[in-house]
Each structure stands twice: as C-alpha cells, then as structure tokens.
C-alpha atoms as a PDB file:
ATOM      1  CA  MET A   1     -55.135  84.048   8.557  1.00  0.00           C
ATOM      2  CA  ARG A   2     -51.758  84.672  10.225  1.00  0.00           C
ATOM      3  CA  ILE A   3     -49.394  87.119   8.518  1.00  0.00           C
ATOM      4  CA  ILE A   4     -45.782  86.104   9.104  1.00  0.00           C
ATOM      5  CA  THR A   5     -43.255  88.807   8.181  1.00  0.00           C
ATOM      6  CA  PRO A   6     -39.511  88.325   7.703  1.00  0.00           C
ATOM      7  CA  LEU A   7     -38.864  90.987  10.377  1.00  0.00           C
ATOM      8  CA  ALA A   8     -40.934  89.056  12.916  1.00  0.00           C
ATOM      9  CA  VAL A   9     -39.076  85.865  12.089  1.00  0.00           C
ATOM     10  CA  ALA A  10     -35.711  87.594  12.499  1.00  0.00           C
ATOM     11  CA  ALA A  11     -36.700  88.956  15.892  1.00  0.00           C
ATOM     12  CA  LEU A  12     -37.863  85.561  17.115  1.00  0.00           C
ATOM     13  CA  LEU A  13     -34.722  83.896  15.792  1.00  0.00           C
ATOM     14  CA  ALA A  14     -32.600  86.300  17.802  1.00  0.00           C
ATOM     15  CA  LEU A  15     -34.474  85.295  20.943  1.00  0.00           C
ATOM     16  CA  THR A  16     -34.008  81.603  20.266  1.00  0.00           C
ATOM     17  CA  ALA A  17     -30.412  81.703  19.007  1.00  0.00           C
ATOM     18  CA  PRO A  18     -28.937  79.805  22.035  1.00  0.00           C
ATOM     19  CA  LEU A  19     -31.068  76.796  21.118  1.00  0.00           C
ATOM     20  CA  GLN A  20     -29.431  76.386  17.697  1.00  0.00           C
ATOM     21  CA  ALA A  21     -26.302  74.609  18.861  1.00  0.00           C
ATOM     22  CA  SER A  22     -26.801  71.162  17.395  1.00  0.00           C
ATOM     23  CA  ALA A  23     -24.713  68.906  15.195  1.00  0.00           C
ATOM     24  CA  LYS A  24     -27.799  67.250  13.777  1.00  0.00           C
ATOM     25  CA  LEU A  25     -29.247  67.990  10.370  1.00  0.00           C
ATOM     26  CA  ASN A  26     -32.271  70.273  10.767  1.00  0.00           C
ATOM     27  CA  VAL A  27     -35.024  68.802   8.603  1.00  0.00           C
ATOM     28  CA  ILE A  28     -38.468  70.201   7.847  1.00  0.00           C
ATOM     29  CA  ALA A  29     -41.054  67.770   6.484  1.00  0.00           C
ATOM     30  CA  SER A  30     -44.264  69.308   5.203  1.00  0.00           C
ATOM     31  CA  PHE A  31     -46.650  66.624   6.501  1.00  0.00           C
ATOM     32  CA  SER A  32     -46.741  63.502   8.635  1.00  0.00           C
ATOM     33  CA  ILE A  33     -46.170  60.886   5.916  1.00  0.00           C
ATOM     34  CA  LEU A  34     -42.974  62.586   4.754  1.00  0.00           C
ATOM     35  CA  GLY A  35     -41.958  63.062   8.353  1.00  0.00           C
ATOM     36  CA  ASP A  36     -42.120  59.336   8.981  1.00  0.00           C
ATOM     37  CA  MET A  37     -40.081  58.553   5.877  1.00  0.00           C
ATOM     38  CA  ALA A  38     -37.479  61.133   6.889  1.00  0.00           C
ATOM     39  CA  LYS A  39     -37.299  59.633  10.372  1.00  0.00           C
ATOM     40  CA  ASN A  40     -36.632  56.168   8.968  1.00  0.00           C
ATOM     41  CA  ILE A  41     -33.812  57.435   6.775  1.00  0.00           C
ATOM     42  CA  GLY A  42     -32.271  60.082   9.036  1.00  0.00           C
ATOM     43  CA  GLN A  43     -32.788  58.360  12.393  1.00  0.00           C
ATOM     44  CA  ASP A  44     -30.569  59.916  15.075  1.00  0.00           C
ATOM     45  CA  ARG A  45     -28.580  62.103  12.648  1.00  0.00           C
ATOM     46  CA  ILE A  46     -31.490  64.504  12.062  1.00  0.00           C
ATOM     47  CA  GLU A  47     -33.572  66.956  14.077  1.00  0.00           C
ATOM     48  CA  LEU A  48     -37.018  66.659  12.488  1.00  0.00           C
ATOM     49  CA  ARG A  49     -39.944  69.077  12.513  1.00  0.00           C
ATOM     50  CA  THR A  50     -43.140  68.016  10.758  1.00  0.00           C
ATOM     51  CA  LEU A  51     -45.410  70.933   9.913  1.00  0.00           C
ATOM     52  CA  VAL A  52     -48.796  69.251   9.332  1.00  0.00           C
ATOM     53  CA  GLY A  53     -49.161  66.600  11.993  1.00  0.00           C
ATOM     54  CA  PRO A  54     -51.166  63.383  12.381  1.00  0.00           C
ATOM     55  CA  ASP A  55     -54.868  63.436  11.480  1.00  0.00           C
ATOM     56  CA  SER A  56     -54.468  66.938   9.990  1.00  0.00           C
ATOM     57  CA  ASP A  57     -55.285  68.222   6.519  1.00  0.00           C
ATOM     58  CA  ALA A  58     -52.469  69.891   4.578  1.00  0.00           C
ATOM     59  CA  HIS A  59     -54.973  71.459   2.171  1.00  0.00           C
ATOM     60  CA  VAL A  60     -56.224  73.864   4.839  1.00  0.00           C
ATOM     61  CA  TYR A  61     -53.147  74.215   7.056  1.00  0.00           C
ATOM     62  CA  GLU A  62     -52.190  77.700   8.284  1.00  0.00           C
ATOM     63  CA  PRO A  63     -48.517  77.957   9.278  1.00  0.00           C
ATOM     64  CA  SER A  64     -47.539  79.548  12.578  1.00  0.00           C
ATOM     65  CA  PRO A  65     -44.675  81.903  13.506  1.00  0.00           C
ATOM     66  CA  ALA A  66     -42.969  78.904  15.127  1.00  0.00           C
ATOM     67  CA  ASP A  67     -43.079  77.114  11.755  1.00  0.00           C
ATOM     68  CA  ALA A  68     -41.357  80.102  10.143  1.00  0.00           C
ATOM     69  CA  ILE A  69     -38.650  80.110  12.826  1.00  0.00           C
ATOM     70  CA  ALA A  70     -38.003  76.405  12.260  1.00  0.00           C
ATOM     71  CA  MET A  71     -37.978  76.913   8.493  1.00  0.00           C
ATOM     72  CA  ALA A  72     -35.351  79.661   8.820  1.00  0.00           C
ATOM     73  CA  LYS A  73     -33.060  77.249  10.689  1.00  0.00           C
ATOM     74  CA  ALA A  74     -33.589  74.324   8.293  1.00  0.00           C
ATOM     75  CA  ASP A  75     -30.794  72.535   6.450  1.00  0.00           C
ATOM     76  CA  VAL A  76     -33.231  70.470   4.355  1.00  0.00           C
ATOM     77  CA  ILE A  77     -36.879  71.104   3.449  1.00  0.00           C
ATOM     78  CA  LEU A  78     -38.925  68.144   2.211  1.00  0.00           C
ATOM     79  CA  ILE A  79     -42.214  68.698   0.396  1.00  0.00           C
ATOM     80  CA  ASN A  80     -44.457  66.475  -1.670  1.00  0.00           C
ATOM     81  CA  GLY A  81     -44.829  68.964  -4.502  1.00  0.00           C
ATOM     82  CA  LEU A  82     -47.527  68.631  -7.183  1.00  0.00           C
ATOM     83  CA  GLN A  83     -49.289  71.631  -5.580  1.00  0.00           C
ATOM     84  CA  PHE A  84     -50.188  69.569  -2.507  1.00  0.00           C
ATOM     85  CA  GLU A  85     -48.892  72.061   0.067  1.00  0.00           C
ATOM     86  CA  GLY A  86     -50.613  75.320  -0.829  1.00  0.00           C
ATOM     87  CA  PHE A  87     -49.072  77.109   2.154  1.00  0.00           C
ATOM     88  CA  ILE A  88     -45.441  76.193   1.589  1.00  0.00           C
ATOM     89  CA  THR A  89     -44.251  78.922  -0.807  1.00  0.00           C
ATOM     90  CA  ARG A  90     -45.386  81.821   1.369  1.00  0.00           C
ATOM     91  CA  LEU A  91     -43.980  80.118   4.468  1.00  0.00           C
ATOM     92  CA  ILE A  92     -40.539  79.735   2.870  1.00  0.00           C
ATOM     93  CA  GLN A  93     -40.626  83.321   1.658  1.00  0.00           C
ATOM     94  CA  ALA A  94     -41.677  84.659   5.072  1.00  0.00           C
ATOM     95  CA  SER A  95     -38.943  82.702   6.828  1.00  0.00           C
ATOM     96  CA  GLU A  96     -36.278  83.800   4.314  1.00  0.00           C
ATOM     97  CA  SER A  97     -34.931  80.271   4.465  1.00  0.00           C
ATOM     98  CA  THR A  98     -32.012  79.461   2.174  1.00  0.00           C
ATOM     99  CA  ALA A  99     -32.283  75.693   2.668  1.00  0.00           C
ATOM    100  CA  PRO A 100     -32.684  73.541  -0.448  1.00  0.00           C
ATOM    101  CA  VAL A 101     -36.260  72.420  -1.072  1.00  0.00           C
ATOM    102  CA  THR A 102     -36.657  68.818  -2.227  1.00  0.00           C
ATOM    103  CA  GLU A 103     -39.869  67.787  -3.995  1.00  0.00           C
ATOM    104  CA  VAL A 104     -39.822  64.142  -3.061  1.00  0.00           C
ATOM    105  CA  SER A 105     -42.319  63.179  -5.778  1.00  0.00           C
ATOM    106  CA  LYS A 106     -39.798  64.015  -8.533  1.00  0.00           C
ATOM    107  CA  GLY A 107     -39.275  60.974 -10.739  1.00  0.00           C
ATOM    108  CA  ALA A 108     -42.323  59.123  -9.429  1.00  0.00           C
ATOM    109  CA  ALA A 109     -45.014  57.798 -11.777  1.00  0.00           C
ATOM    110  CA  ILE A 110     -47.496  60.676 -11.565  1.00  0.00           C
ATOM    111  CA  LEU A 111     -51.122  60.489 -12.690  1.00  0.00           C
ATOM    112  CA  ARG A 112     -52.776  63.401 -14.443  1.00  0.00           C
ATOM    113  CA  ASP A 113     -56.004  64.390 -12.712  1.00  0.00           C
ATOM    114  CA  PRO A 114     -58.750  64.245 -15.366  1.00  0.00           C
ATOM    115  CA  ALA A 115     -60.874  66.747 -13.431  1.00  0.00           C
ATOM    116  CA  GLY A 116     -58.011  69.195 -12.947  1.00  0.00           C
ATOM    117  CA  GLY A 117     -58.158  68.650  -9.200  1.00  0.00           C
ATOM    118  CA  HIS A 118     -60.078  66.853  -6.506  1.00  0.00           C
ATOM    119  CA  TYR A 119     -62.550  67.492  -3.697  1.00  0.00           C
ATOM    120  CA  HIS A 120     -61.960  66.955  -0.035  1.00  0.00           C
ATOM    121  CA  PHE A 121     -64.227  67.765   2.869  1.00  0.00           C
ATOM    122  CA  TYR A 122     -63.449  70.237   5.645  1.00  0.00           C
ATOM    123  CA  ASN A 123     -65.849  71.397   8.360  1.00  0.00           C
ATOM    124  CA  GLY A 124     -68.700  69.688   6.532  1.00  0.00           C
ATOM    125  CA  LYS A 125     -68.066  71.482   3.247  1.00  0.00           C
ATOM    126  CA  ALA A 126     -66.510  70.362   0.003  1.00  0.00           C
ATOM    127  CA  VAL A 127     -63.330  72.201  -0.990  1.00  0.00           C
ATOM    128  CA  PHE A 128     -61.886  71.861  -4.498  1.00  0.00           C
ATOM    129  CA  HIS A 129     -58.109  71.497  -4.606  1.00  0.00           C
ATOM    130  CA  ALA A 130     -57.018  72.465  -8.114  1.00  0.00           C
ATOM    131  CA  ALA A 131     -53.983  70.579  -9.432  1.00  0.00           C
ATOM    132  CA  PRO A 132     -53.292  69.263 -12.947  1.00  0.00           C
ATOM    133  CA  PHE A 133     -51.629  66.165 -11.518  1.00  0.00           C
ATOM    134  CA  ASP A 134     -52.882  63.973  -8.694  1.00  0.00           C
ATOM    135  CA  PRO A 135     -50.604  64.825  -5.740  1.00  0.00           C
ATOM    136  CA  HIS A 136     -51.383  61.720  -3.639  1.00  0.00           C
ATOM    137  CA  ALA A 137     -48.517  59.755  -5.153  1.00  0.00           C
ATOM    138  CA  TRP A 138     -47.476  58.212  -1.812  1.00  0.00           C
ATOM    139  CA  GLN A 139     -50.565  55.979  -2.025  1.00  0.00           C
ATOM    140  CA  SER A 140     -48.434  53.902  -4.411  1.00  0.00           C
ATOM    141  CA  ILE A 141     -45.685  52.047  -2.579  1.00  0.00           C
ATOM    142  CA  THR A 142     -43.660  52.057  -5.799  1.00  0.00           C
ATOM    143  CA  ASN A 143     -43.764  55.846  -5.695  1.00  0.00           C
ATOM    144  CA  ALA A 144     -42.958  55.838  -1.987  1.00  0.00           C
ATOM    145  CA  ARG A 145     -39.732  54.047  -2.843  1.00  0.00           C
ATOM    146  CA  THR A 146     -38.893  56.945  -5.168  1.00  0.00           C
ATOM    147  CA  TYR A 147     -39.640  59.331  -2.298  1.00  0.00           C
ATOM    148  CA  VAL A 148     -37.099  57.421  -0.206  1.00  0.00           C
ATOM    149  CA  LYS A 149     -34.413  57.828  -2.881  1.00  0.00           C
ATOM    150  CA  ASN A 150     -35.043  61.559  -3.110  1.00  0.00           C
ATOM    151  CA  ILE A 151     -34.991  62.058   0.656  1.00  0.00           C
ATOM    152  CA  THR A 152     -31.759  60.072   0.924  1.00  0.00           C
ATOM    153  CA  ALA A 153     -30.134  62.166  -1.814  1.00  0.00           C
ATOM    154  CA  ALA A 154     -31.198  65.368  -0.042  1.00  0.00           C
ATOM    155  CA  PHE A 155     -29.708  64.200   3.251  1.00  0.00           C
ATOM    156  CA  CYS A 156     -26.469  63.095   1.591  1.00  0.00           C
ATOM    157  CA  ALA A 157     -26.111  66.459  -0.170  1.00  0.00           C
ATOM    158  CA  ALA A 158     -26.550  68.340   3.111  1.00  0.00           C
ATOM    159  CA  ASP A 159     -24.506  65.982   5.301  1.00  0.00           C
ATOM    160  CA  LYS A 160     -21.847  64.169   3.293  1.00  0.00           C
ATOM    161  CA  ALA A 161     -20.291  62.680   6.414  1.00  0.00           C
ATOM    162  CA  GLY A 162     -23.550  60.898   7.189  1.00  0.00           C
ATOM    163  CA  CYS A 163     -24.269  59.673   3.664  1.00  0.00           C
ATOM    164  CA  ASP A 164     -23.287  56.055   4.280  1.00  0.00           C
ATOM    165  CA  SER A 165     -25.597  55.955   7.293  1.00  0.00           C
ATOM    166  CA  TYR A 166     -28.499  57.458   5.339  1.00  0.00           C
ATOM    167  CA  GLN A 167     -28.006  55.014   2.493  1.00  0.00           C
ATOM    168  CA  THR A 168     -27.856  52.033   4.841  1.00  0.00           C
ATOM    169  CA  ASN A 169     -31.062  53.122   6.586  1.00  0.00           C
ATOM    170  CA  ALA A 170     -32.769  53.795   3.269  1.00  0.00           C
ATOM    171  CA  HIS A 171     -31.846  50.366   1.924  1.00  0.00           C
ATOM    172  CA  ALA A 172     -33.320  48.631   4.962  1.00  0.00           C
ATOM    173  CA  TYR A 173     -36.475  50.755   4.731  1.00  0.00           C
ATOM    174  CA  ASP A 174     -36.807  50.120   0.989  1.00  0.00           C
ATOM    175  CA  GLU A 175     -36.704  46.368   1.584  1.00  0.00           C
ATOM    176  CA  LYS A 176     -39.606  46.716   4.022  1.00  0.00           C
ATOM    177  CA  LEU A 177     -41.580  48.709   1.452  1.00  0.00           C
ATOM    178  CA  ALA A 178     -40.971  46.117  -1.266  1.00  0.00           C
ATOM    179  CA  ALA A 179     -42.152  43.332   1.049  1.00  0.00           C
ATOM    180  CA  LEU A 180     -45.232  45.359   1.995  1.00  0.00           C
ATOM    181  CA  ALA A 181     -46.216  45.843  -1.655  1.00  0.00           C
ATOM    182  CA  GLU A 182     -46.035  42.102  -2.230  1.00  0.00           C
ATOM    183  CA  LYS A 183     -48.085  41.428   0.891  1.00  0.00           C
ATOM    184  CA  ILE A 184     -50.839  43.845  -0.154  1.00  0.00           C
ATOM    185  CA  ASP A 185     -50.960  42.324  -3.644  1.00  0.00           C
ATOM    186  CA  SER A 186     -51.379  38.898  -2.040  1.00  0.00           C
ATOM    187  CA  GLU A 187     -54.202  40.121   0.203  1.00  0.00           C
ATOM    188  CA  VAL A 188     -56.079  41.813  -2.648  1.00  0.00           C
ATOM    189  CA  ALA A 189     -55.730  38.680  -4.787  1.00  0.00           C
ATOM    190  CA  ARG A 190     -58.248  37.028  -2.430  1.00  0.00           C
ATOM    191  CA  LEU A 191     -61.006  39.287  -3.762  1.00  0.00           C
ATOM    192  CA  PRO A 192     -63.281  38.353  -6.658  1.00  0.00           C
ATOM    193  CA  ASP A 193     -63.004  40.851  -9.512  1.00  0.00           C
ATOM    194  CA  ALA A 194     -66.697  41.714  -9.118  1.00  0.00           C
ATOM    195  CA  HIS A 195     -66.198  42.779  -5.492  1.00  0.00           C
ATOM    196  CA  ARG A 196     -63.457  45.386  -5.702  1.00  0.00           C
ATOM    197  CA  THR A 197     -65.360  48.697  -5.700  1.00  0.00           C
ATOM    198  CA  VAL A 198     -65.731  50.949  -2.652  1.00  0.00           C
ATOM    199  CA  VAL A 199     -66.778  54.526  -1.860  1.00  0.00           C
ATOM    200  CA  VAL A 200     -64.674  57.225  -0.177  1.00  0.00           C
ATOM    201  CA  GLY A 201     -65.371  60.888   0.400  1.00  0.00           C
ATOM    202  CA  HIS A 202     -62.028  62.197  -0.919  1.00  0.00           C
ATOM    203  CA  ASN A 203     -60.577  61.105  -4.246  1.00  0.00           C
ATOM    204  CA  ALA A 204     -57.117  60.343  -2.868  1.00  0.00           C
ATOM    205  CA  PHE A 205     -56.658  56.667  -3.701  1.00  0.00           C
ATOM    206  CA  ARG A 206     -56.141  56.549  -7.479  1.00  0.00           C
ATOM    207  CA  TYR A 207     -52.515  55.453  -7.043  1.00  0.00           C
ATOM    208  CA  PHE A 208     -53.575  52.619  -4.741  1.00  0.00           C
ATOM    209  CA  GLU A 209     -56.158  51.671  -7.368  1.00  0.00           C
ATOM    210  CA  GLU A 210     -53.513  51.621 -10.118  1.00  0.00           C
ATOM    211  CA  ASP A 211     -51.187  49.431  -8.064  1.00  0.00           C
ATOM    212  CA  HIS A 212     -53.616  46.994  -6.496  1.00  0.00           C
ATOM    213  CA  GLY A 213     -56.834  46.908  -8.530  1.00  0.00           C
ATOM    214  CA  ILE A 214     -59.405  48.207  -6.032  1.00  0.00           C
ATOM    215  CA  HIS A 215     -61.761  50.779  -7.573  1.00  0.00           C
ATOM    216  CA  PHE A 216     -62.616  53.896  -5.545  1.00  0.00           C
ATOM    217  CA  LEU A 217     -65.712  56.033  -6.124  1.00  0.00           C
ATOM    218  CA  SER A 218     -66.029  59.510  -4.623  1.00  0.00           C
ATOM    219  CA  PRO A 219     -68.524  62.371  -5.055  1.00  0.00           C
ATOM    220  CA  GLN A 220     -67.050  64.597  -7.766  1.00  0.00           C
ATOM    221  CA  GLY A 221     -69.793  67.132  -8.426  1.00  0.00           C
ATOM    222  CA  VAL A 222     -70.050  68.702  -4.999  1.00  0.00           C
ATOM    223  CA  SER A 223     -70.081  72.510  -4.908  1.00  0.00           C
ATOM    224  CA  THR A 224     -67.094  74.208  -3.312  1.00  0.00           C
ATOM    225  CA  GLU A 225     -69.431  76.620  -1.541  1.00  0.00           C
ATOM    226  CA  SER A 226     -71.915  74.361   0.168  1.00  0.00           C
ATOM    227  CA  GLU A 227     -72.585  70.945   1.554  1.00  0.00           C
ATOM    228  CA  ALA A 228     -73.470  68.098  -0.771  1.00  0.00           C
ATOM    229  CA  SER A 229     -76.827  68.674  -2.453  1.00  0.00           C
ATOM    230  CA  ALA A 230     -79.498  66.058  -3.065  1.00  0.00           C
ATOM    231  CA  ALA A 231     -78.346  65.953  -6.700  1.00  0.00           C
ATOM    232  CA  ASP A 232     -74.739  65.345  -5.649  1.00  0.00           C
ATOM    233  CA  VAL A 233     -75.745  62.450  -3.431  1.00  0.00           C
ATOM    234  CA  ALA A 234     -78.058  61.062  -6.121  1.00  0.00           C
ATOM    235  CA  GLY A 235     -75.128  61.078  -8.560  1.00  0.00           C
ATOM    236  CA  ILE A 236     -72.864  59.027  -6.335  1.00  0.00           C
ATOM    237  CA  LEU A 237     -75.735  56.655  -5.541  1.00  0.00           C
ATOM    238  CA  ARG A 238     -76.125  56.002  -9.272  1.00  0.00           C
ATOM    239  CA  GLU A 239     -72.405  55.288  -9.504  1.00  0.00           C
ATOM    240  CA  ILE A 240     -72.614  52.909  -6.544  1.00  0.00           C
ATOM    241  CA  LYS A 241     -75.366  50.933  -8.231  1.00  0.00           C
ATOM    242  CA  LYS A 242     -73.724  50.977 -11.658  1.00  0.00           C
ATOM    243  CA  ASN A 243     -70.351  49.814 -10.310  1.00  0.00           C
ATOM    244  CA  HIS A 244     -71.724  47.409  -7.656  1.00  0.00           C
ATOM    245  CA  ALA A 245     -69.849  49.156  -4.852  1.00  0.00           C
ATOM    246  CA  ALA A 246     -69.767  46.951  -1.777  1.00  0.00           C
ATOM    247  CA  ALA A 247     -68.594  49.211   1.068  1.00  0.00           C
ATOM    248  CA  VAL A 248     -68.227  52.833   2.135  1.00  0.00           C
ATOM    249  CA  PHE A 249     -65.270  54.211   4.098  1.00  0.00           C
ATOM    250  CA  ALA A 250     -64.692  57.322   6.178  1.00  0.00           C
ATOM    251  CA  GLU A 251     -61.285  59.045   6.272  1.00  0.00           C
ATOM    252  CA  ASN A 252     -59.250  60.324   9.171  1.00  0.00           C
ATOM    253  CA  ILE A 253     -58.918  63.889   7.837  1.00  0.00           C
ATOM    254  CA  SER A 254     -62.597  64.379   6.932  1.00  0.00           C
ATOM    255  CA  ASN A 255     -65.879  64.784   8.749  1.00  0.00           C
ATOM    256  CA  PRO A 256     -67.673  61.439   8.198  1.00  0.00           C
ATOM    257  CA  ARG A 257     -71.121  63.006   7.828  1.00  0.00           C
ATOM    258  CA  LEU A 258     -71.240  62.896   4.016  1.00  0.00           C
ATOM    259  CA  VAL A 259     -70.079  59.297   3.693  1.00  0.00           C
ATOM    260  CA  GLU A 260     -72.478  58.268   6.473  1.00  0.00           C
ATOM    261  CA  GLN A 261     -75.322  59.859   4.497  1.00  0.00           C
ATOM    262  CA  ILE A 262     -74.239  58.118   1.302  1.00  0.00           C
ATOM    263  CA  ALA A 263     -73.891  54.771   3.064  1.00  0.00           C
ATOM    264  CA  SER A 264     -77.329  55.088   4.651  1.00  0.00           C
ATOM    265  CA  GLU A 265     -79.057  55.909   1.376  1.00  0.00           C
ATOM    266  CA  ALA A 266     -77.160  53.181  -0.490  1.00  0.00           C
ATOM    267  CA  GLY A 267     -77.951  50.571   2.147  1.00  0.00           C
ATOM    268  CA  LEU A 268     -74.273  49.894   2.726  1.00  0.00           C
ATOM    269  CA  PRO A 269     -72.252  49.892   5.950  1.00  0.00           C
ATOM    270  CA  VAL A 270     -69.511  52.370   6.803  1.00  0.00           C
ATOM    271  CA  SER A 271     -66.839  49.715   6.959  1.00  0.00           C
ATOM    272  CA  GLY A 272     -64.027  51.561   8.669  1.00  0.00           C
ATOM    273  CA  VAL A 273     -61.635  54.494   8.424  1.00  0.00           C
ATOM    274  CA  LEU A 274     -58.968  54.860   5.743  1.00  0.00           C
ATOM    275  CA  TYR A 275     -55.901  57.079   6.045  1.00  0.00           C
ATOM    276  CA  SER A 276     -55.294  59.205   2.967  1.00  0.00           C
ATOM    277  CA  ASP A 277     -53.269  62.379   3.544  1.00  0.00           C
ATOM    278  CA  ALA A 278     -52.089  61.974   7.137  1.00  0.00           C
ATOM    279  CA  LEU A 279     -50.970  59.342   9.593  1.00  0.00           C
ATOM    280  CA  SER A 280     -52.778  58.599  12.835  1.00  0.00           C
ATOM    281  CA  GLY A 281     -51.407  59.548  16.221  1.00  0.00           C
ATOM    282  CA  THR A 282     -48.928  57.207  17.868  1.00  0.00           C
ATOM    283  CA  GLU A 283     -51.702  55.219  19.543  1.00  0.00           C
ATOM    284  CA  GLY A 284     -53.676  54.799  16.305  1.00  0.00           C
ATOM    285  CA  PRO A 285     -53.549  52.070  13.648  1.00  0.00           C
ATOM    286  CA  ALA A 286     -51.574  54.150  11.121  1.00  0.00           C
ATOM    287  CA  ALA A 287     -48.779  55.758  13.120  1.00  0.00           C
ATOM    288  CA  THR A 288     -46.213  55.083  10.375  1.00  0.00           C
ATOM    289  CA  TYR A 289     -46.395  54.992   6.589  1.00  0.00           C
ATOM    290  CA  ILE A 290     -46.011  51.206   6.571  1.00  0.00           C
ATOM    291  CA  ASP A 291     -48.719  50.856   9.218  1.00  0.00           C
ATOM    292  CA  MET A 292     -50.985  53.180   7.206  1.00  0.00           C
ATOM    293  CA  MET A 293     -50.691  51.237   3.965  1.00  0.00           C
ATOM    294  CA  GLN A 294     -51.148  47.906   5.752  1.00  0.00           C
ATOM    295  CA  HIS A 295     -54.143  49.209   7.704  1.00  0.00           C
ATOM    296  CA  ASN A 296     -55.817  50.564   4.570  1.00  0.00           C
ATOM    297  CA  ALA A 297     -55.270  47.332   2.657  1.00  0.00           C
ATOM    298  CA  SER A 298     -56.482  45.092   5.493  1.00  0.00           C
ATOM    299  CA  THR A 299     -59.530  47.301   6.147  1.00  0.00           C
ATOM    300  CA  LEU A 300     -60.495  47.293   2.470  1.00  0.00           C
ATOM    301  CA  VAL A 301     -59.960  43.574   1.979  1.00  0.00           C
ATOM    302  CA  SER A 302     -61.824  42.577   5.152  1.00  0.00           C
ATOM    303  CA  ALA A 303     -64.871  44.628   4.156  1.00  0.00           C
ATOM    304  CA  LEU A 304     -64.892  43.371   0.579  1.00  0.00           C
ATOM    305  CA  VAL A 305     -64.426  39.725   1.567  1.00  0.00           C
ATOM    306  CA  ALA A 306     -67.357  40.077   3.968  1.00  0.00           C
ATOM    307  CA  ALA A 307     -69.481  41.658   1.230  1.00  0.00           C
ATOM    308  CA  SER A 308     -68.608  38.970  -1.301  1.00  0.00           C
ATOM    309  CA  THR A 309     -69.645  36.185   1.068  1.00  0.00           C
ATOM    310  CA  SER A 310     -72.837  37.797   2.373  1.00  0.00           C
ATOM    311  CA  PRO A 311     -76.252  36.389   1.359  1.00  0.00           C
ATOM    312  CA  ASP A 312     -76.961  39.613  -0.544  1.00  0.00           C
ATOM    313  CA  SER A 313     -73.923  39.233  -2.758  1.00  0.00           C
ATOM    314  CA  ALA A 314     -75.814  36.992  -5.139  1.00  0.00           C
ATOM    315  CA  VAL A 315     -78.025  39.925  -6.129  1.00  0.00           C
ATOM    316  CA  ASN A 316     -75.159  42.422  -6.265  1.00  0.00           C
ATOM    317  CA  PRO A 317     -72.586  40.574  -8.369  1.00  0.00           C
END
C-alpha cells in the first residue's frame, strides 16, 4: 500500500507549479461514470482528472502520489458517497486539498442494503464491501439525473461566470437521460413477466431492478477470505431454479470464473458482459454513461427474449 504524506505532496507540487497556469476549472471525479457526467456538463470549461478509470474497481483502488498532487490543485472534487470510495478520505487528507467535496448522490432515492453491504469479486476472491446503503445509485437513470443537478451546482458554485454554460449543457444532457429511460422501459416491456430473472456475480443492479423490473440474483454467502465454496455455489443454484433465472452475465470489473462455473452447473449460457461500477475503454461498448446503460439494457433484453422463445422455455416458465 502506498503511503502518501502531505510533505511529499508539497514537494511534488513545487516541482510542477509551472503547469498550474490554467483558466479552466480543475475537477477531480472519483471514478469513470462520474467523470463522464462531469465531462458532459463542464465540457471545455473544465480540466478533468478521473481517479479510477475504465474497467477498474473503485473498491480496491490504491491512489498514487500523482492523484494526491491533482487533488491538491482541485477546485471541485466529485465523489459518489455512500461509502463507495473507501480510499477517498485518506487521499484528500494526504493532499491537504481545500476544494469542496460534492457527494453527487445527495438527494437521490437511495436503497438500504438489507445485508449491510455487498460482495464483489477481485482476483478470484469475494470481497465484502460494508455499507448500510446500496452505493450503486447511478444504475437508476432517475438518480443519475440527480447526480447531474448536483454536479452542475458544484460547477456553478466554483465558477459563477460559467454557470449559464453549465446549466445549458446539463439541460441538454438531462433530456438525453430522460429519453434513454423511456427507451429502456420500452425495451424491457417486450419481456414476459416470467422471463425477467438473471444472475450476476456482483450485487450492483438493485437500482436497475427497481426502475425497470428485471430481477438480479447474485451469490450472497461467499466468504470474504476464500473463493466460492461448493455450498455457496449450491445456494445460488437453488435460487436460480426457484426463480427460473434464464441467463448469467459476467461483469467488466470482475474475473468471470465464478459466473462461468455457476452458468455451467446451472446449464445456462453466459450471455454477455454487463457494466456495473465502471465504463469500458473508448473502443468498448460502454464508453459513456448513456452507452453503458443502453448496452446493459440491450444485452439483458436480447438474452431474455432468446430464452423466452427457446424450446426449453416451456419447461422453465
């Protein structure tokens, strides 16, 4: 683990001082989804640094000295909040940043996590992320629209001269989000009610489930110290049978080995990759937040339509 001290940050800042001459708003976004939203709202008025990049897991991120230098120069810091970014407090403290920190999830419709947290999978092992509330609120487009309002307010507070520009950009972006929500609802409406259950490795889609009516199963009883046991896999297999799950999906931030094992033992295909906590790279199918939500919806619907029309669907209603 890197130890970043305020003295080290100060020394590095002194070396990089000539690079600070910029009229743009210096913005730090904690992870790629927030970075994309900030880019849509700030456009050419901001200088953006995103800490946790595409296809990367914020749960296990270790900040670098360069992150601390950027944080010290920031005018605005955007975080999800809800204990999603475990590294962020010590990074801000180490950088001695005085920039305002905006929790963009404030005011969103937040779900309490009944298990007190959720599992995700890193290097083949299950890691429990304790949080009383489900932090993945961006998986609801309605919540994402609240994120946009909060980001816009943060930019306006830091750069009053640019406020009209930020508000204009935010309005245009919000209209795209509203249209996307309607489109996803229309796509999901094609699915029979009996064919709306899928399996994922990471319980990150409860907000999508609330908004659009697709039910997500994920292995909840996996030990934080070891790989999934036979009992863990047996438990999710029982849930698959009980809930008539029709497809299994890998995720971009997780090793697919566990879901491949579950799919094999359940006799179901791995029907694609969903994007939960991070965007794809620029060449991938989820390079922006809008692309991510559309990709996830289309991937889910395509797999479930195929399952509902397969010859086996008559025995798995």
